Amino acid sequence: MITDFFQPGILTGRVAFITGGGSGINLAIGKTLARLGADIGICGRTPERLDAGRRQLEEAGARVFATVADVRDEEAVKSAVEGCHDTLGPISFTVCGAAGNFVAPAEAISPKGFRTVVEIDLLGAFHAAHACFEQLKQTRGSILFVSGGQAWVPFAFQAHVGAAKAGIDNLMANLALEWGKYGIRSNSIVPGPIAGTEGMSRLGGAQAEAIWKEMTPLGRMGRLEDIGAVAAFLATPLAAYISGARVVVDGGQNLTGSHVFNKALEEALKVSGPRGS
């Protein structure tokens, strides 16, 4: 297990709050932190996912606070953050991970669809960071934003996601600059293609995974634990002097560009049509 490479209990006494924490990459981050001793607060829009996530986090050894909250709703996020504090103690690590995505050519994306992705990804990330500020100031904690390669490499049919993720990376850098005086670190993690996730399903499923693997210099898909390990490192004192960094965890995939994937997805869309709008 990848957590065997960390000092046991290195995050004991720490509390992490994770948006979108009931599934996928965000849950994997939570489980890694839990195995290192952290207690975990999660929020999301789907009670069933939160319940399943809670059980997995408890099995990993954490005390868990879970509540339904839509990150687009500022007051709901504030309430979730306060509830996490009241249940587990002051937050020292915030993961802004809630995200939305669908595949569509730019001309087929409705203003509502574009706005929804930006509100979930970018506005939701700001709501979470802003709501956690006072607690992070108290603990001299850190924020981790979950970004994407679309932030700087143009991918076809991802105009909405690219705009949102570019905004997230800029927000991360601004908070690193402004909040550093409070001892708060701010960084982004950029996952590459991660096998078996909902994100990969939305981007074409098994067929797309084969293409991603071919496009990745390391010759394999990413694993959930690859992301969890880097996120955990950034949460520990090992990363105490890292702030304002965009940490890419993609096996070198974005070095190859997006052309091959764009062409394959274009062919798939000719058959299935846009996936969402």
Protein backbone atom coordinates (compact mmCIF):
# COMPACT_ATOMS: atom_id res chain seq x y z
CA MET A 1 0.00 0.00 0.00
CA ILE A 2 1.34 3.40 -1.00
CA THR A 3 0.77 4.88 2.48
CA ASP A 4 3.43 2.49 3.79
CA PHE A 5 6.00 4.94 2.42
CA PHE A 6 4.83 7.69 4.81
CA GLN A 7 5.62 7.93 8.50
CA PRO A 8 2.75 6.14 10.28
CA GLY A 9 0.25 8.55 11.81
CA ILE A 10 1.87 11.59 10.19
CA LEU A 11 -1.55 13.28 9.94
CA THR A 12 -2.91 12.23 13.33
CA GLY A 13 -4.87 15.09 14.88
CA ARG A 14 -5.43 16.80 11.52
CA VAL A 15 -8.84 17.41 9.98
CA ALA A 16 -9.41 17.52 6.22
CA PHE A 17 -12.54 18.90 4.56
CA ILE A 18 -13.19 17.64 1.03
CA THR A 19 -15.86 18.88 -1.38
CA GLY A 20 -17.21 16.22 -3.70
CA GLY A 21 -15.68 13.78 -1.24
CA GLY A 22 -18.15 10.92 -1.61
CA SER A 23 -16.61 9.29 -4.67
CA GLY A 24 -13.85 9.12 -7.24
CA ILE A 25 -10.58 11.01 -6.94
CA ASN A 26 -11.77 13.08 -3.98
CA LEU A 27 -12.75 10.00 -1.98
CA ALA A 28 -9.40 8.41 -2.84
CA ILE A 29 -7.65 11.47 -1.42
CA GLY A 30 -9.77 11.20 1.71
CA LYS A 31 -8.99 7.51 2.18
CA THR A 32 -5.25 8.14 1.84
CA LEU A 33 -5.41 10.94 4.42
CA ALA A 34 -7.47 8.73 6.72
CA ARG A 35 -4.91 5.93 6.57
CA LEU A 36 -2.30 8.45 7.71
CA GLY A 37 -4.35 9.43 10.75
CA ALA A 38 -6.51 12.36 9.60
CA ASP A 39 -10.20 12.77 10.34
CA ILE A 40 -12.31 13.64 7.32
CA GLY A 41 -15.24 15.92 6.57
CA ILE A 42 -16.95 15.46 3.21
CA CYS A 43 -19.79 17.17 1.42
CA GLY A 44 -21.56 16.52 -1.87
CA ARG A 45 -24.94 16.60 -3.55
CA THR A 46 -25.83 12.88 -3.41
CA PRO A 47 -26.72 11.30 -0.05
CA GLU A 48 -26.11 7.77 -1.33
CA ARG A 49 -22.57 8.60 -2.41
CA LEU A 50 -21.86 10.36 0.85
CA ASP A 51 -23.09 7.35 2.85
CA ALA A 52 -20.92 4.98 0.81
CA GLY A 53 -17.96 7.34 1.13
CA ARG A 54 -18.47 7.66 4.88
CA ARG A 55 -18.29 3.89 5.29
CA GLN A 56 -15.08 3.62 3.29
CA LEU A 57 -13.45 6.47 5.20
CA GLU A 58 -14.41 4.92 8.53
CA GLU A 59 -12.97 1.59 7.37
CA ALA A 60 -9.75 3.50 6.60
CA GLY A 61 -9.64 4.61 10.25
CA ALA A 62 -11.10 8.12 10.24
CA ARG A 63 -13.74 9.83 12.26
CA VAL A 64 -16.03 11.21 9.58
CA PHE A 65 -18.42 14.11 9.16
CA ALA A 66 -20.59 13.92 6.04
CA THR A 67 -23.30 16.31 4.92
CA VAL A 68 -25.23 17.15 1.79
CA ALA A 69 -24.18 20.50 0.33
CA ASP A 70 -24.09 21.93 -3.17
CA VAL A 71 -20.86 23.89 -3.53
CA ARG A 72 -22.68 26.48 -5.66
CA ASP A 73 -24.62 27.47 -2.53
CA GLU A 74 -22.39 29.66 -0.36
CA GLU A 75 -24.51 29.24 2.76
CA ALA A 76 -24.67 25.47 2.39
CA VAL A 77 -20.88 25.31 2.17
CA LYS A 78 -20.48 27.56 5.21
CA SER A 79 -22.86 25.32 7.17
CA ALA A 80 -20.94 22.21 6.12
CA VAL A 81 -17.62 23.74 7.16
CA GLU A 82 -19.04 24.80 10.53
CA GLY A 83 -20.51 21.35 11.06
CA CYS A 84 -17.17 19.74 10.29
CA HIS A 85 -15.48 21.98 12.86
CA ASP A 86 -18.08 21.26 15.52
CA THR A 87 -17.82 17.50 14.96
CA LEU A 88 -14.13 16.94 14.29
CA GLY A 89 -12.27 20.11 15.26
CA PRO A 90 -10.55 22.87 13.28
CA ILE A 91 -9.81 22.14 9.63
CA SER A 92 -6.16 22.06 8.59
CA PHE A 93 -6.47 20.81 5.00
CA THR A 94 -9.15 21.77 2.50
CA VAL A 95 -9.59 19.91 -0.78
CA CYS A 96 -11.66 21.82 -3.33
CA GLY A 97 -12.56 18.87 -5.50
CA ALA A 98 -16.22 19.13 -6.54
CA ALA A 99 -16.43 19.24 -10.33
CA GLY A 100 -18.76 18.91 -13.28
CA ASN A 101 -18.11 17.85 -16.85
CA PHE A 102 -19.75 16.75 -20.06
CA VAL A 103 -18.50 16.35 -23.60
CA ALA A 104 -19.79 18.72 -26.28
CA PRO A 105 -18.51 20.96 -29.06
CA ALA A 106 -18.42 24.60 -28.01
CA GLU A 107 -21.28 25.54 -30.34
CA ALA A 108 -23.50 22.92 -28.68
CA ILE A 109 -22.83 24.05 -25.11
CA SER A 110 -25.70 26.13 -23.81
CA PRO A 111 -24.98 29.18 -21.66
CA LYS A 112 -26.64 27.29 -18.81
CA GLY A 113 -24.37 24.28 -19.31
CA PHE A 114 -21.25 26.45 -19.46
CA ARG A 115 -22.31 28.39 -16.38
CA THR A 116 -23.10 25.21 -14.44
CA VAL A 117 -19.57 23.80 -14.89
CA VAL A 118 -17.93 27.12 -14.01
CA GLU A 119 -20.14 27.50 -10.94
CA ILE A 120 -19.44 23.98 -9.65
CA ASP A 121 -15.71 23.99 -10.36
CA LEU A 122 -14.59 27.58 -9.90
CA LEU A 123 -17.23 29.28 -7.78
CA GLY A 124 -17.56 26.13 -5.67
CA ALA A 125 -13.81 26.08 -5.08
CA PHE A 126 -13.89 29.72 -3.97
CA HIS A 127 -16.84 29.06 -1.64
CA ALA A 128 -14.98 26.20 0.04
CA ALA A 129 -11.68 28.04 0.40
CA HIS A 130 -13.41 31.19 1.63
CA ALA A 131 -15.53 29.29 4.17
CA CYS A 132 -12.47 27.47 5.54
CA PHE A 133 -10.26 30.57 5.74
CA GLU A 134 -10.63 31.33 9.45
CA GLN A 135 -10.01 27.73 10.46
CA LEU A 136 -7.01 27.42 8.13
CA LYS A 137 -5.64 30.65 9.56
CA GLN A 138 -5.95 29.16 13.04
CA THR A 139 -4.23 25.89 12.07
CA ARG A 140 -1.81 27.41 9.54
CA GLY A 141 -3.20 24.84 7.17
CA SER A 142 -3.36 24.46 3.42
CA ILE A 143 -5.71 24.26 0.45
CA LEU A 144 -5.55 21.80 -2.43
CA PHE A 145 -7.46 22.61 -5.61
CA VAL A 146 -8.19 19.78 -8.03
CA SER A 147 -7.41 21.23 -11.45
CA GLY A 148 -7.08 19.61 -14.88
CA GLY A 149 -4.82 19.55 -17.89
CA GLN A 150 -7.54 21.40 -19.82
CA ALA A 151 -6.42 24.51 -17.92
CA TRP A 152 -3.41 24.96 -20.23
CA VAL A 153 -3.70 22.36 -23.01
CA PRO A 154 -6.75 22.92 -25.23
CA PHE A 155 -8.90 19.81 -25.50
CA ALA A 156 -11.72 19.68 -28.02
CA PHE A 157 -15.23 19.53 -26.57
CA GLN A 158 -13.96 20.83 -23.21
CA ALA A 159 -14.19 24.63 -23.61
CA HIS A 160 -16.28 24.98 -20.45
CA VAL A 161 -14.00 22.77 -18.37
CA GLY A 162 -10.83 24.45 -19.63
CA ALA A 163 -12.17 27.87 -18.66
CA ALA A 164 -13.17 26.65 -15.20
CA LYS A 165 -9.88 24.86 -14.49
CA ALA A 166 -7.79 27.81 -15.71
CA GLY A 167 -9.73 29.95 -13.26
CA ILE A 168 -9.04 27.47 -10.47
CA ASP A 169 -5.29 27.57 -11.08
CA ASN A 170 -5.33 31.37 -11.07
CA LEU A 171 -7.40 31.42 -7.87
CA MET A 172 -4.92 29.00 -6.30
CA ALA A 173 -2.00 31.28 -7.13
CA ASN A 174 -3.77 34.40 -5.86
CA LEU A 175 -4.59 32.74 -2.54
CA ALA A 176 -1.01 31.49 -2.20
CA LEU A 177 0.11 35.10 -2.65
CA GLU A 178 -2.45 36.73 -0.38
CA TRP A 179 -2.88 34.14 2.36
CA GLY A 180 0.75 33.13 2.74
CA LYS A 181 1.13 35.79 5.44
CA TYR A 182 -1.31 33.76 7.53
CA GLY A 183 0.72 30.59 7.08
CA ILE A 184 -1.82 29.17 4.63
CA ARG A 185 -0.39 27.27 1.69
CA SER A 186 -2.35 26.93 -1.58
CA ASN A 187 -1.60 24.42 -4.37
CA SER A 188 -3.26 22.62 -7.27
CA ILE A 189 -3.05 18.96 -8.18
CA VAL A 190 -3.60 18.09 -11.84
CA PRO A 191 -4.70 14.48 -12.28
CA GLY A 192 -4.12 12.81 -15.60
CA PRO A 193 -6.33 10.02 -16.99
CA ILE A 194 -7.33 7.89 -13.98
CA ALA A 195 -8.68 4.42 -14.71
CA GLY A 196 -12.21 3.49 -13.69
CA THR A 197 -13.37 6.95 -12.64
CA GLU A 198 -16.59 8.73 -13.53
CA GLY A 199 -14.50 11.35 -15.30
CA MET A 200 -13.08 8.71 -17.66
CA SER A 201 -16.56 7.35 -18.24
CA ARG A 202 -17.73 10.80 -19.30
CA LEU A 203 -14.76 11.09 -21.65
CA GLY A 204 -15.46 7.85 -23.50
CA GLY A 205 -15.07 4.90 -21.14
CA ALA A 206 -12.97 1.84 -22.03
CA GLN A 207 -12.33 2.98 -25.60
CA ALA A 208 -11.01 6.31 -24.36
CA GLU A 209 -8.86 4.61 -21.72
CA ALA A 210 -7.02 2.70 -24.45
CA ILE A 211 -6.33 5.97 -26.27
CA TRP A 212 -5.19 7.75 -23.10
CA LYS A 213 -2.80 4.89 -22.33
CA GLU A 214 -1.30 5.18 -25.81
CA MET A 215 -0.91 8.95 -25.38
CA THR A 216 0.84 8.71 -21.99
CA PRO A 217 4.65 8.46 -21.97
CA LEU A 218 4.66 6.17 -18.94
CA GLY A 219 2.43 3.77 -20.89
CA ARG A 220 -0.29 3.22 -18.32
CA MET A 221 -3.42 4.77 -16.92
CA GLY A 222 -3.20 6.53 -13.59
CA ARG A 223 -4.48 4.90 -10.42
CA LEU A 224 -6.52 6.53 -7.70
CA GLU A 225 -3.71 5.92 -5.23
CA ASP A 226 -1.33 7.91 -7.45
CA ILE A 227 -3.43 11.00 -6.80
CA GLY A 228 -4.04 10.20 -3.15
CA ALA A 229 -0.32 9.87 -2.44
CA VAL A 230 0.60 13.27 -3.91
CA ALA A 231 -2.34 14.95 -2.18
CA ALA A 232 -1.24 13.41 1.12
CA PHE A 233 2.33 14.61 0.60
CA LEU A 234 1.04 18.16 0.08
CA ALA A 235 -0.96 17.88 3.32
CA THR A 236 2.04 16.86 5.42
CA PRO A 237 4.92 18.87 6.89
CA LEU A 238 7.06 17.39 4.10
CA ALA A 239 5.52 20.04 1.84
CA ALA A 240 5.77 22.90 4.35
CA TYR A 241 7.55 25.21 1.88
CA ILE A 242 5.47 24.41 -1.19
CA SER A 243 2.85 27.01 -2.06
CA GLY A 244 1.55 28.34 -5.35
CA ALA A 245 2.50 25.12 -7.15
CA ARG A 246 0.60 23.25 -9.83
CA VAL A 247 1.58 19.60 -9.33
CA VAL A 248 0.89 17.53 -12.43
CA VAL A 249 0.26 13.82 -11.83
CA ASP A 250 -0.43 12.47 -15.32
CA GLY A 251 2.43 10.20 -16.35
CA GLY A 252 3.56 12.90 -18.78
CA GLN A 253 0.32 12.74 -20.81
CA ASN A 254 -0.07 16.46 -21.40
CA LEU A 255 3.41 16.60 -22.91
CA THR A 256 1.97 14.77 -25.93
CA GLY A 257 -0.89 17.23 -26.52
CA SER A 258 -4.51 16.35 -27.18
CA HIS A 259 -4.68 15.76 -30.95
CA VAL A 260 -5.06 11.96 -30.90
CA PHE A 261 -7.74 12.06 -28.25
CA ASN A 262 -9.56 14.93 -29.97
CA LYS A 263 -9.84 12.98 -33.22
CA ALA A 264 -11.04 9.83 -31.48
CA LEU A 265 -13.63 11.68 -29.46
CA GLU A 266 -14.80 13.53 -32.56
CA GLU A 267 -15.50 10.17 -34.22
CA ALA A 268 -17.34 8.94 -31.13
CA LEU A 269 -19.51 12.06 -31.02
CA LYS A 270 -20.53 11.50 -34.64
CA VAL A 271 -22.13 8.28 -33.45
CA SER A 272 -23.49 9.24 -30.02
CA GLY A 273 -23.92 13.03 -30.21
CA PRO A 274 -22.91 15.52 -27.48
CA ARG A 275 -23.03 14.13 -23.93
CA GLY A 276 -24.80 16.86 -22.02
CA SER A 277 -25.18 20.56 -22.72
